[in-house]
All heavy atoms as atom14 arrays in JSON, in Angstrom:
{
  "sequence": "LAVCIVSIAGLGMFFSRGSVGGPMQLWALAINAMLVIGAAAMALRYA",
  "atom14_mask": [
    [1, 1, 1, 1, 1, 1, 1, 1, 0, 0, 0, 0, 0, 0],
    [1, 1, 1, 1, 1, 0, 0, 0, 0, 0, 0, 0, 0, 0],
    [1, 1, 1, 1, 1, 1, 1, 0, 0, 0, 0, 0, 0, 0],
    [1, 1, 1, 1, 1, 1, 0, 0, 0, 0, 0, 0, 0, 0],
    [1, 1, 1, 1, 1, 1, 1, 1, 0, 0, 0, 0, 0, 0],
    [1, 1, 1, 1, 1, 1, 1, 0, 0, 0, 0, 0, 0, 0],
    [1, 1, 1, 1, 1, 1, 0, 0, 0, 0, 0, 0, 0, 0],
    [1, 1, 1, 1, 1, 1, 1, 1, 0, 0, 0, 0, 0, 0],
    [1, 1, 1, 1, 1, 0, 0, 0, 0, 0, 0, 0, 0, 0],
    [1, 1, 1, 1, 0, 0, 0, 0, 0, 0, 0, 0, 0, 0],
    [1, 1, 1, 1, 1, 1, 1, 1, 0, 0, 0, 0, 0, 0],
    [1, 1, 1, 1, 0, 0, 0, 0, 0, 0, 0, 0, 0, 0],
    [1, 1, 1, 1, 1, 1, 1, 1, 0, 0, 0, 0, 0, 0],
    [1, 1, 1, 1, 1, 1, 1, 1, 1, 1, 1, 0, 0, 0],
    [1, 1, 1, 1, 1, 1, 1, 1, 1, 1, 1, 0, 0, 0],
    [1, 1, 1, 1, 1, 1, 0, 0, 0, 0, 0, 0, 0, 0],
    [1, 1, 1, 1, 1, 1, 1, 1, 1, 1, 1, 0, 0, 0],
    [1, 1, 1, 1, 0, 0, 0, 0, 0, 0, 0, 0, 0, 0],
    [1, 1, 1, 1, 1, 1, 0, 0, 0, 0, 0, 0, 0, 0],
    [1, 1, 1, 1, 1, 1, 1, 0, 0, 0, 0, 0, 0, 0],
    [1, 1, 1, 1, 0, 0, 0, 0, 0, 0, 0, 0, 0, 0],
    [1, 1, 1, 1, 0, 0, 0, 0, 0, 0, 0, 0, 0, 0],
    [1, 1, 1, 1, 1, 1, 1, 0, 0, 0, 0, 0, 0, 0],
    [1, 1, 1, 1, 1, 1, 1, 1, 0, 0, 0, 0, 0, 0],
    [1, 1, 1, 1, 1, 1, 1, 1, 1, 0, 0, 0, 0, 0],
    [1, 1, 1, 1, 1, 1, 1, 1, 0, 0, 0, 0, 0, 0],
    [1, 1, 1, 1, 1, 1, 1, 1, 1, 1, 1, 1, 1, 1],
    [1, 1, 1, 1, 1, 0, 0, 0, 0, 0, 0, 0, 0, 0],
    [1, 1, 1, 1, 1, 1, 1, 1, 0, 0, 0, 0, 0, 0],
    [1, 1, 1, 1, 1, 0, 0, 0, 0, 0, 0, 0, 0, 0],
    [1, 1, 1, 1, 1, 1, 1, 1, 0, 0, 0, 0, 0, 0],
    [1, 1, 1, 1, 1, 1, 1, 1, 0, 0, 0, 0, 0, 0],
    [1, 1, 1, 1, 1, 0, 0, 0, 0, 0, 0, 0, 0, 0],
    [1, 1, 1, 1, 1, 1, 1, 1, 0, 0, 0, 0, 0, 0],
    [1, 1, 1, 1, 1, 1, 1, 1, 0, 0, 0, 0, 0, 0],
    [1, 1, 1, 1, 1, 1, 1, 0, 0, 0, 0, 0, 0, 0],
    [1, 1, 1, 1, 1, 1, 1, 1, 0, 0, 0, 0, 0, 0],
    [1, 1, 1, 1, 0, 0, 0, 0, 0, 0, 0, 0, 0, 0],
    [1, 1, 1, 1, 1, 0, 0, 0, 0, 0, 0, 0, 0, 0],
    [1, 1, 1, 1, 1, 0, 0, 0, 0, 0, 0, 0, 0, 0],
    [1, 1, 1, 1, 1, 0, 0, 0, 0, 0, 0, 0, 0, 0],
    [1, 1, 1, 1, 1, 1, 1, 1, 0, 0, 0, 0, 0, 0],
    [1, 1, 1, 1, 1, 0, 0, 0, 0, 0, 0, 0, 0, 0],
    [1, 1, 1, 1, 1, 1, 1, 1, 0, 0, 0, 0, 0, 0],
    [1, 1, 1, 1, 1, 1, 1, 1, 1, 1, 1, 0, 0, 0],
    [1, 1, 1, 1, 1, 1, 1, 1, 1, 1, 1, 1, 0, 0],
    [1, 1, 1, 1, 1, 0, 0, 0, 0, 0, 0, 0, 0, 0]
  ],
  "atom14_positions": [
    [[20.16, -30.12, -38.88], [20.51, -29.41, -37.65], [19.65, -28.16, -37.5], [19.16, -27.86, -36.39], [21.99, -29.02, -37.69], [22.52, -28.23, -36.48], [22.37, -29.05, -35.2], [23.97, -27.83, -36.7], [0.0, 0.0, 0.0], [0.0, 0.0, 0.0], [0.0, 0.0, 0.0], [0.0, 0.0, 0.0], [0.0, 0.0, 0.0], [0.0, 0.0, 0.0]],
    [[19.42, -27.45, -38.6], [18.65, -26.21, -38.54], [17.2, -26.45, -38.15], [16.64, -25.71, -37.33], [18.72, -25.49, -39.88], [0.0, 0.0, 0.0], [0.0, 0.0, 0.0], [0.0, 0.0, 0.0], [0.0, 0.0, 0.0], [0.0, 0.0, 0.0], [0.0, 0.0, 0.0], [0.0, 0.0, 0.0], [0.0, 0.0, 0.0], [0.0, 0.0, 0.0]],
    [[16.57, -27.49, -38.71], [15.17, -27.72, -38.37], [15.02, -28.09, -36.9], [14.02, -27.72, -36.25], [14.53, -28.82, -39.25], [14.46, -28.38, -40.7], [15.23, -30.17, -39.12], [0.0, 0.0, 0.0], [0.0, 0.0, 0.0], [0.0, 0.0, 0.0], [0.0, 0.0, 0.0], [0.0, 0.0, 0.0], [0.0, 0.0, 0.0], [0.0, 0.0, 0.0]],
    [[16.01, -28.8, -36.36], [15.95, -29.15, -34.93], [16.12, -27.9, -34.06], [15.38, -27.71, -33.08], [17.03, -30.18, -34.59], [16.75, -31.81, -35.32], [0.0, 0.0, 0.0], [0.0, 0.0, 0.0], [0.0, 0.0, 0.0], [0.0, 0.0, 0.0], [0.0, 0.0, 0.0], [0.0, 0.0, 0.0], [0.0, 0.0, 0.0], [0.0, 0.0, 0.0]],
    [[17.06, -27.04, -34.42], [17.29, -25.81, -33.64], [16.07, -24.89, -33.75], [15.64, -24.29, -32.75], [18.56, -25.1, -34.11], [19.79, -25.97, -33.81], [18.69, -23.74, -33.42], [21.08, -25.38, -34.35], [0.0, 0.0, 0.0], [0.0, 0.0, 0.0], [0.0, 0.0, 0.0], [0.0, 0.0, 0.0], [0.0, 0.0, 0.0], [0.0, 0.0, 0.0]],
    [[15.52, -24.76, -34.96], [14.33, -23.92, -35.14], [13.18, -24.43, -34.28], [12.47, -23.64, -33.65], [13.92, -23.9, -36.63], [12.5, -23.33, -36.77], [14.89, -23.06, -37.44], [0.0, 0.0, 0.0], [0.0, 0.0, 0.0], [0.0, 0.0, 0.0], [0.0, 0.0, 0.0], [0.0, 0.0, 0.0], [0.0, 0.0, 0.0], [0.0, 0.0, 0.0]],
    [[13.0, -25.73, -34.23], [11.92, -26.31, -33.43], [12.13, -26.03, -31.95], [11.2, -25.6, -31.25], [11.85, -27.82, -33.67], [11.58, -28.11, -35.03], [0.0, 0.0, 0.0], [0.0, 0.0, 0.0], [0.0, 0.0, 0.0], [0.0, 0.0, 0.0], [0.0, 0.0, 0.0], [0.0, 0.0, 0.0], [0.0, 0.0, 0.0], [0.0, 0.0, 0.0]],
    [[13.34, -26.24, -31.47], [13.64, -26.0, -30.05], [13.54, -24.51, -29.72], [12.96, -24.13, -28.7], [15.03, -26.55, -29.7], [15.05, -28.08, -29.85], [15.42, -26.17, -28.27], [16.43, -28.69, -29.76], [0.0, 0.0, 0.0], [0.0, 0.0, 0.0], [0.0, 0.0, 0.0], [0.0, 0.0, 0.0], [0.0, 0.0, 0.0], [0.0, 0.0, 0.0]],
    [[14.09, -23.67, -30.61], [14.03, -22.22, -30.37], [12.6, -21.72, -30.4], [12.21, -20.85, -29.61], [14.87, -21.49, -31.43], [0.0, 0.0, 0.0], [0.0, 0.0, 0.0], [0.0, 0.0, 0.0], [0.0, 0.0, 0.0], [0.0, 0.0, 0.0], [0.0, 0.0, 0.0], [0.0, 0.0, 0.0], [0.0, 0.0, 0.0], [0.0, 0.0, 0.0]],
    [[11.8, -22.27, -31.31], [10.4, -21.87, -31.39], [9.66, -22.19, -30.1], [8.9, -21.37, -29.59], [0.0, 0.0, 0.0], [0.0, 0.0, 0.0], [0.0, 0.0, 0.0], [0.0, 0.0, 0.0], [0.0, 0.0, 0.0], [0.0, 0.0, 0.0], [0.0, 0.0, 0.0], [0.0, 0.0, 0.0], [0.0, 0.0, 0.0], [0.0, 0.0, 0.0]],
    [[9.88, -23.39, -29.59], [9.25, -23.76, -28.32], [9.73, -22.85, -27.19], [8.94, -22.44, -26.33], [9.55, -25.22, -27.98], [8.8, -26.27, -28.8], [9.25, -27.66, -28.42], [7.29, -26.13, -28.6], [0.0, 0.0, 0.0], [0.0, 0.0, 0.0], [0.0, 0.0, 0.0], [0.0, 0.0, 0.0], [0.0, 0.0, 0.0], [0.0, 0.0, 0.0]],
    [[11.03, -22.56, -27.2], [11.57, -21.67, -26.17], [10.92, -20.3, -26.2], [10.59, -19.73, -25.15], [0.0, 0.0, 0.0], [0.0, 0.0, 0.0], [0.0, 0.0, 0.0], [0.0, 0.0, 0.0], [0.0, 0.0, 0.0], [0.0, 0.0, 0.0], [0.0, 0.0, 0.0], [0.0, 0.0, 0.0], [0.0, 0.0, 0.0], [0.0, 0.0, 0.0]],
    [[10.68, -19.78, -27.41], [10.05, -18.47, -27.52], [8.61, -18.5, -27.04], [8.15, -17.61, -26.34], [10.09, -18.01, -28.98], [11.46, -17.59, -29.46], [11.4, -16.84, -31.09], [10.52, -18.07, -32.04], [0.0, 0.0, 0.0], [0.0, 0.0, 0.0], [0.0, 0.0, 0.0], [0.0, 0.0, 0.0], [0.0, 0.0, 0.0], [0.0, 0.0, 0.0]],
    [[7.89, -19.56, -27.41], [6.49, -19.63, -27.03], [6.32, -19.74, -25.52], [5.44, -19.14, -24.93], [5.81, -20.8, -27.74], [5.6, -20.58, -29.21], [6.04, -21.51, -30.13], [4.97, -19.44, -29.68], [5.87, -21.31, -31.48], [4.79, -19.22, -31.03], [5.24, -20.16, -31.94], [0.0, 0.0, 0.0], [0.0, 0.0, 0.0], [0.0, 0.0, 0.0]],
    [[7.19, -20.52, -24.89], [7.06, -20.7, -23.45], [7.61, -19.51, -22.66], [7.12, -19.21, -21.57], [7.77, -21.98, -23.02], [6.98, -23.23, -23.34], [7.44, -24.12, -24.31], [5.79, -23.5, -22.7], [6.71, -25.26, -24.62], [5.06, -24.63, -23.0], [5.52, -25.52, -23.96], [0.0, 0.0, 0.0], [0.0, 0.0, 0.0], [0.0, 0.0, 0.0]],
    [[8.6, -18.82, -23.22], [9.19, -17.69, -22.48], [8.46, -16.38, -22.74], [8.34, -15.55, -21.84], [10.67, -17.54, -22.84], [10.82, -17.2, -24.22], [0.0, 0.0, 0.0], [0.0, 0.0, 0.0], [0.0, 0.0, 0.0], [0.0, 0.0, 0.0], [0.0, 0.0, 0.0], [0.0, 0.0, 0.0], [0.0, 0.0, 0.0], [0.0, 0.0, 0.0]],
    [[7.99, -16.19, -23.97], [7.35, -14.91, -24.32], [5.87, -15.04, -24.62], [5.19, -14.04, -24.83], [8.07, -14.28, -25.51], [9.48, -13.83, -25.19], [10.06, -12.99, -26.31], [11.33, -12.37, -25.9], [12.05, -11.61, -26.69], [11.66, -11.36, -27.93], [13.19, -11.08, -26.25], [0.0, 0.0, 0.0], [0.0, 0.0, 0.0], [0.0, 0.0, 0.0]],
    [[5.39, -16.26, -24.68], [3.99, -16.44, -25.0], [3.73, -16.27, -26.48], [4.62, -15.96, -27.27], [0.0, 0.0, 0.0], [0.0, 0.0, 0.0], [0.0, 0.0, 0.0], [0.0, 0.0, 0.0], [0.0, 0.0, 0.0], [0.0, 0.0, 0.0], [0.0, 0.0, 0.0], [0.0, 0.0, 0.0], [0.0, 0.0, 0.0], [0.0, 0.0, 0.0]],
    [[2.48, -16.47, -26.87], [2.12, -16.35, -28.27], [0.63, -16.11, -28.37], [-0.11, -16.32, -27.43], [2.51, -17.61, -29.05], [2.12, -17.52, -30.4], [0.0, 0.0, 0.0], [0.0, 0.0, 0.0], [0.0, 0.0, 0.0], [0.0, 0.0, 0.0], [0.0, 0.0, 0.0], [0.0, 0.0, 0.0], [0.0, 0.0, 0.0], [0.0, 0.0, 0.0]],
    [[0.22, -15.66, -29.55], [-1.21, -15.52, -29.79], [-1.8, -16.92, -29.9], [-1.1, -17.89, -30.18], [-1.48, -14.73, -31.07], [-1.03, -13.3, -30.93], [-0.81, -15.39, -32.27], [0.0, 0.0, 0.0], [0.0, 0.0, 0.0], [0.0, 0.0, 0.0], [0.0, 0.0, 0.0], [0.0, 0.0, 0.0], [0.0, 0.0, 0.0], [0.0, 0.0, 0.0]],
    [[-3.1, -17.02, -29.69], [-3.74, -18.32, -29.78], [-3.89, -18.98, -28.42], [-3.36, -18.52, -27.42], [0.0, 0.0, 0.0], [0.0, 0.0, 0.0], [0.0, 0.0, 0.0], [0.0, 0.0, 0.0], [0.0, 0.0, 0.0], [0.0, 0.0, 0.0], [0.0, 0.0, 0.0], [0.0, 0.0, 0.0], [0.0, 0.0, 0.0], [0.0, 0.0, 0.0]],
    [[-4.62, -20.07, -28.42], [-4.91, -20.78, -27.18], [-4.0, -21.95, -26.93], [-3.06, -22.22, -27.69], [0.0, 0.0, 0.0], [0.0, 0.0, 0.0], [0.0, 0.0, 0.0], [0.0, 0.0, 0.0], [0.0, 0.0, 0.0], [0.0, 0.0, 0.0], [0.0, 0.0, 0.0], [0.0, 0.0, 0.0], [0.0, 0.0, 0.0], [0.0, 0.0, 0.0]],
    [[-4.27, -22.7, -25.86], [-3.44, -23.84, -25.5], [-3.42, -24.94, -26.55], [-2.42, -25.64, -26.69], [-4.06, -24.32, -24.18], [-5.44, -23.75, -24.15], [-5.35, -22.45, -24.88], [0.0, 0.0, 0.0], [0.0, 0.0, 0.0], [0.0, 0.0, 0.0], [0.0, 0.0, 0.0], [0.0, 0.0, 0.0], [0.0, 0.0, 0.0], [0.0, 0.0, 0.0]],
    [[-4.52, -25.11, -27.29], [-4.54, -26.13, -28.34], [-3.49, -25.85, -29.4], [-2.82, -26.77, -29.89], [-5.93, -26.21, -28.98], [-6.99, -26.81, -28.08], [-6.67, -28.56, -27.74], [-7.03, -29.28, -29.34], [0.0, 0.0, 0.0], [0.0, 0.0, 0.0], [0.0, 0.0, 0.0], [0.0, 0.0, 0.0], [0.0, 0.0, 0.0], [0.0, 0.0, 0.0]],
    [[-3.34, -24.59, -29.75], [-2.32, -24.22, -30.75], [-0.92, -24.45, -30.21], [-0.03, -24.88, -30.94], [-2.51, -22.77, -31.17], [-3.81, -22.51, -31.93], [-3.94, -21.07, -32.38], [-3.03, -20.52, -32.99], [-5.07, -20.45, -32.08], [0.0, 0.0, 0.0], [0.0, 0.0, 0.0], [0.0, 0.0, 0.0], [0.0, 0.0, 0.0], [0.0, 0.0, 0.0]],
    [[-0.74, -24.17, -28.92], [0.58, -24.38, -28.31], [0.91, -25.87, -28.27], [2.05, -26.27, -28.57], [0.6, -23.8, -26.9], [1.96, -23.85, -26.18], [3.03, -23.14, -27.0], [1.86, -23.22, -24.8], [0.0, 0.0, 0.0], [0.0, 0.0, 0.0], [0.0, 0.0, 0.0], [0.0, 0.0, 0.0], [0.0, 0.0, 0.0], [0.0, 0.0, 0.0]],
    [[-0.06, -26.7, -27.94], [0.16, -28.15, -27.93], [0.46, -28.66, -29.34], [1.33, -29.52, -29.53], [-1.05, -28.87, -27.36], [-1.05, -28.95, -25.88], [-1.85, -28.29, -24.98], [-0.17, -29.77, -25.08], [-1.53, -28.63, -23.7], [-0.5, -29.53, -23.72], [0.86, -30.65, -25.37], [0.15, -30.15, -22.66], [1.53, -31.27, -24.33], [1.16, -31.03, -23.0]],
    [[-0.25, -28.12, -30.32], [-0.01, -28.54, -31.7], [1.41, -28.21, -32.13], [2.1, -29.02, -32.78], [-1.01, -27.86, -32.64], [0.0, 0.0, 0.0], [0.0, 0.0, 0.0], [0.0, 0.0, 0.0], [0.0, 0.0, 0.0], [0.0, 0.0, 0.0], [0.0, 0.0, 0.0], [0.0, 0.0, 0.0], [0.0, 0.0, 0.0], [0.0, 0.0, 0.0]],
    [[1.89, -27.01, -31.76], [3.25, -26.62, -32.1], [4.29, -27.48, -31.38], [5.32, -27.85, -31.96], [3.46, -25.15, -31.75], [2.72, -24.14, -32.64], [2.78, -22.75, -32.04], [3.28, -24.14, -34.06], [0.0, 0.0, 0.0], [0.0, 0.0, 0.0], [0.0, 0.0, 0.0], [0.0, 0.0, 0.0], [0.0, 0.0, 0.0], [0.0, 0.0, 0.0]],
    [[4.0, -27.82, -30.13], [4.93, -28.65, -29.37], [5.04, -30.04, -29.99], [6.13, -30.6, -30.13], [4.47, -28.76, -27.92], [0.0, 0.0, 0.0], [0.0, 0.0, 0.0], [0.0, 0.0, 0.0], [0.0, 0.0, 0.0], [0.0, 0.0, 0.0], [0.0, 0.0, 0.0], [0.0, 0.0, 0.0], [0.0, 0.0, 0.0], [0.0, 0.0, 0.0]],
    [[3.9, -30.61, -30.39], [3.91, -31.93, -31.03], [4.63, -31.86, -32.37], [5.42, -32.76, -32.72], [2.47, -32.44, -31.21], [1.83, -32.72, -29.85], [2.45, -33.71, -32.08], [0.35, -33.02, -29.91], [0.0, 0.0, 0.0], [0.0, 0.0, 0.0], [0.0, 0.0, 0.0], [0.0, 0.0, 0.0], [0.0, 0.0, 0.0], [0.0, 0.0, 0.0]],
    [[4.38, -30.79, -33.13], [5.06, -30.62, -34.41], [6.57, -30.58, -34.22], [7.34, -31.22, -34.95], [4.59, -29.32, -35.06], [5.07, -29.17, -36.49], [5.58, -30.1, -37.11], [4.92, -27.98, -37.04], [0.0, 0.0, 0.0], [0.0, 0.0, 0.0], [0.0, 0.0, 0.0], [0.0, 0.0, 0.0], [0.0, 0.0, 0.0], [0.0, 0.0, 0.0]],
    [[7.03, -29.83, -33.2], [8.47, -29.72, -32.94], [9.07, -31.08, -32.6], [10.15, -31.44, -33.1], [8.71, -28.74, -31.8], [0.0, 0.0, 0.0], [0.0, 0.0, 0.0], [0.0, 0.0, 0.0], [0.0, 0.0, 0.0], [0.0, 0.0, 0.0], [0.0, 0.0, 0.0], [0.0, 0.0, 0.0], [0.0, 0.0, 0.0], [0.0, 0.0, 0.0]],
    [[8.39, -31.85, -31.78], [8.9, -33.18, -31.41], [8.93, -34.12, -32.6], [9.87, -34.91, -32.76], [8.06, -33.75, -30.27], [8.26, -33.02, -28.95], [7.39, -33.79, -27.56], [5.69, -33.34, -27.92], [0.0, 0.0, 0.0], [0.0, 0.0, 0.0], [0.0, 0.0, 0.0], [0.0, 0.0, 0.0], [0.0, 0.0, 0.0], [0.0, 0.0, 0.0]],
    [[7.91, -34.02, -33.47], [7.89, -34.86, -34.66], [9.01, -34.48, -35.63], [9.62, -35.37, -36.25], [6.54, -34.74, -35.36], [5.35, -35.39, -34.66], [4.05, -35.08, -35.41], [5.53, -36.91, -34.56], [0.0, 0.0, 0.0], [0.0, 0.0, 0.0], [0.0, 0.0, 0.0], [0.0, 0.0, 0.0], [0.0, 0.0, 0.0], [0.0, 0.0, 0.0]],
    [[9.28, -33.2, -35.75], [10.37, -32.74, -36.61], [11.7, -33.33, -36.14], [12.48, -33.88, -36.94], [10.46, -31.2, -36.64], [11.78, -30.74, -37.26], [9.3, -30.61, -37.42], [0.0, 0.0, 0.0], [0.0, 0.0, 0.0], [0.0, 0.0, 0.0], [0.0, 0.0, 0.0], [0.0, 0.0, 0.0], [0.0, 0.0, 0.0], [0.0, 0.0, 0.0]],
    [[11.96, -33.21, -34.83], [13.22, -33.71, -34.28], [13.33, -35.22, -34.45], [14.39, -35.75, -34.82], [13.35, -33.29, -32.8], [13.45, -31.76, -32.7], [14.56, -33.95, -32.16], [13.33, -31.23, -31.29], [0.0, 0.0, 0.0], [0.0, 0.0, 0.0], [0.0, 0.0, 0.0], [0.0, 0.0, 0.0], [0.0, 0.0, 0.0], [0.0, 0.0, 0.0]],
    [[12.24, -35.92, -34.18], [12.25, -37.38, -34.33], [12.47, -37.81, -35.76], [13.26, -38.72, -36.04], [0.0, 0.0, 0.0], [0.0, 0.0, 0.0], [0.0, 0.0, 0.0], [0.0, 0.0, 0.0], [0.0, 0.0, 0.0], [0.0, 0.0, 0.0], [0.0, 0.0, 0.0], [0.0, 0.0, 0.0], [0.0, 0.0, 0.0], [0.0, 0.0, 0.0]],
    [[11.79, -37.16, -36.72], [11.94, -37.5, -38.13], [13.34, -37.16, -38.63], [13.93, -37.9, -39.44], [10.89, -36.77, -38.97], [0.0, 0.0, 0.0], [0.0, 0.0, 0.0], [0.0, 0.0, 0.0], [0.0, 0.0, 0.0], [0.0, 0.0, 0.0], [0.0, 0.0, 0.0], [0.0, 0.0, 0.0], [0.0, 0.0, 0.0], [0.0, 0.0, 0.0]],
    [[13.9, -36.05, -38.16], [15.26, -35.67, -38.55], [16.26, -36.71, -38.06], [17.21, -37.07, -38.79], [15.61, -34.29, -37.98], [0.0, 0.0, 0.0], [0.0, 0.0, 0.0], [0.0, 0.0, 0.0], [0.0, 0.0, 0.0], [0.0, 0.0, 0.0], [0.0, 0.0, 0.0], [0.0, 0.0, 0.0], [0.0, 0.0, 0.0], [0.0, 0.0, 0.0]],
    [[16.06, -37.21, -36.85], [16.94, -38.24, -36.31], [16.87, -39.52, -37.15], [17.9, -40.15, -37.43], [16.58, -38.54, -34.85], [0.0, 0.0, 0.0], [0.0, 0.0, 0.0], [0.0, 0.0, 0.0], [0.0, 0.0, 0.0], [0.0, 0.0, 0.0], [0.0, 0.0, 0.0], [0.0, 0.0, 0.0], [0.0, 0.0, 0.0], [0.0, 0.0, 0.0]],
    [[15.67, -39.88, -37.59], [15.51, -41.08, -38.42], [16.14, -40.88, -39.8], [16.76, -41.81, -40.33], [14.03, -41.41, -38.55], [13.36, -41.8, -37.25], [14.07, -43.29, -36.49], [13.48, -44.54, -37.62], [0.0, 0.0, 0.0], [0.0, 0.0, 0.0], [0.0, 0.0, 0.0], [0.0, 0.0, 0.0], [0.0, 0.0, 0.0], [0.0, 0.0, 0.0]],
    [[15.97, -39.7, -40.37], [16.58, -39.42, -41.69], [18.09, -39.52, -41.61], [18.74, -40.11, -42.49], [16.16, -38.03, -42.18], [0.0, 0.0, 0.0], [0.0, 0.0, 0.0], [0.0, 0.0, 0.0], [0.0, 0.0, 0.0], [0.0, 0.0, 0.0], [0.0, 0.0, 0.0], [0.0, 0.0, 0.0], [0.0, 0.0, 0.0], [0.0, 0.0, 0.0]],
    [[18.67, -38.97, -40.55], [20.12, -39.04, -40.37], [20.56, -40.48, -40.14], [21.59, -40.93, -40.7], [20.55, -38.17, -39.19], [22.04, -38.16, -38.86], [22.84, -37.62, -40.04], [22.31, -37.32, -37.61], [0.0, 0.0, 0.0], [0.0, 0.0, 0.0], [0.0, 0.0, 0.0], [0.0, 0.0, 0.0], [0.0, 0.0, 0.0], [0.0, 0.0, 0.0]],
    [[19.83, -41.21, -39.35], [20.19, -42.6, -39.03], [20.28, -43.44, -40.3], [21.25, -44.17, -40.5], [19.14, -43.19, -38.09], [19.28, -44.68, -37.85], [18.09, -45.23, -37.12], [18.15, -46.69, -37.02], [17.17, -47.46, -36.58], [16.04, -46.9, -36.18], [17.3, -48.77, -36.53], [0.0, 0.0, 0.0], [0.0, 0.0, 0.0], [0.0, 0.0, 0.0]],
    [[19.28, -43.33, -41.17], [19.27, -44.18, -42.37], [20.27, -43.68, -43.43], [20.76, -44.49, -44.24], [17.87, -44.27, -42.94], [16.98, -45.19, -42.12], [15.95, -44.67, -41.34], [17.19, -46.56, -42.1], [15.15, -45.51, -40.57], [16.4, -47.41, -41.34], [15.38, -46.87, -40.57], [14.61, -47.71, -39.81], [0.0, 0.0, 0.0], [0.0, 0.0, 0.0]],
    [[20.56, -42.39, -43.41], [21.6, -41.89, -44.33], [22.96, -42.44, -43.93], [23.74, -42.89, -44.79], [21.63, -40.36, -44.3], [0.0, 0.0, 0.0], [0.0, 0.0, 0.0], [0.0, 0.0, 0.0], [0.0, 0.0, 0.0], [0.0, 0.0, 0.0], [0.0, 0.0, 0.0], [0.0, 0.0, 0.0], [0.0, 0.0, 0.0], [0.0, 0.0, 0.0]]
  ]
}
């Protein structure tokens, strides 16, 4: 639950307050967040 909330909150912060770095870094973080949520869902499913 925490990794999913951290991922969503992190994206919320980046889009609402901005961040250092360029758009490539923002896209990388967005993809990372989606992968975290997807992997967490699969881990829970098989457990």
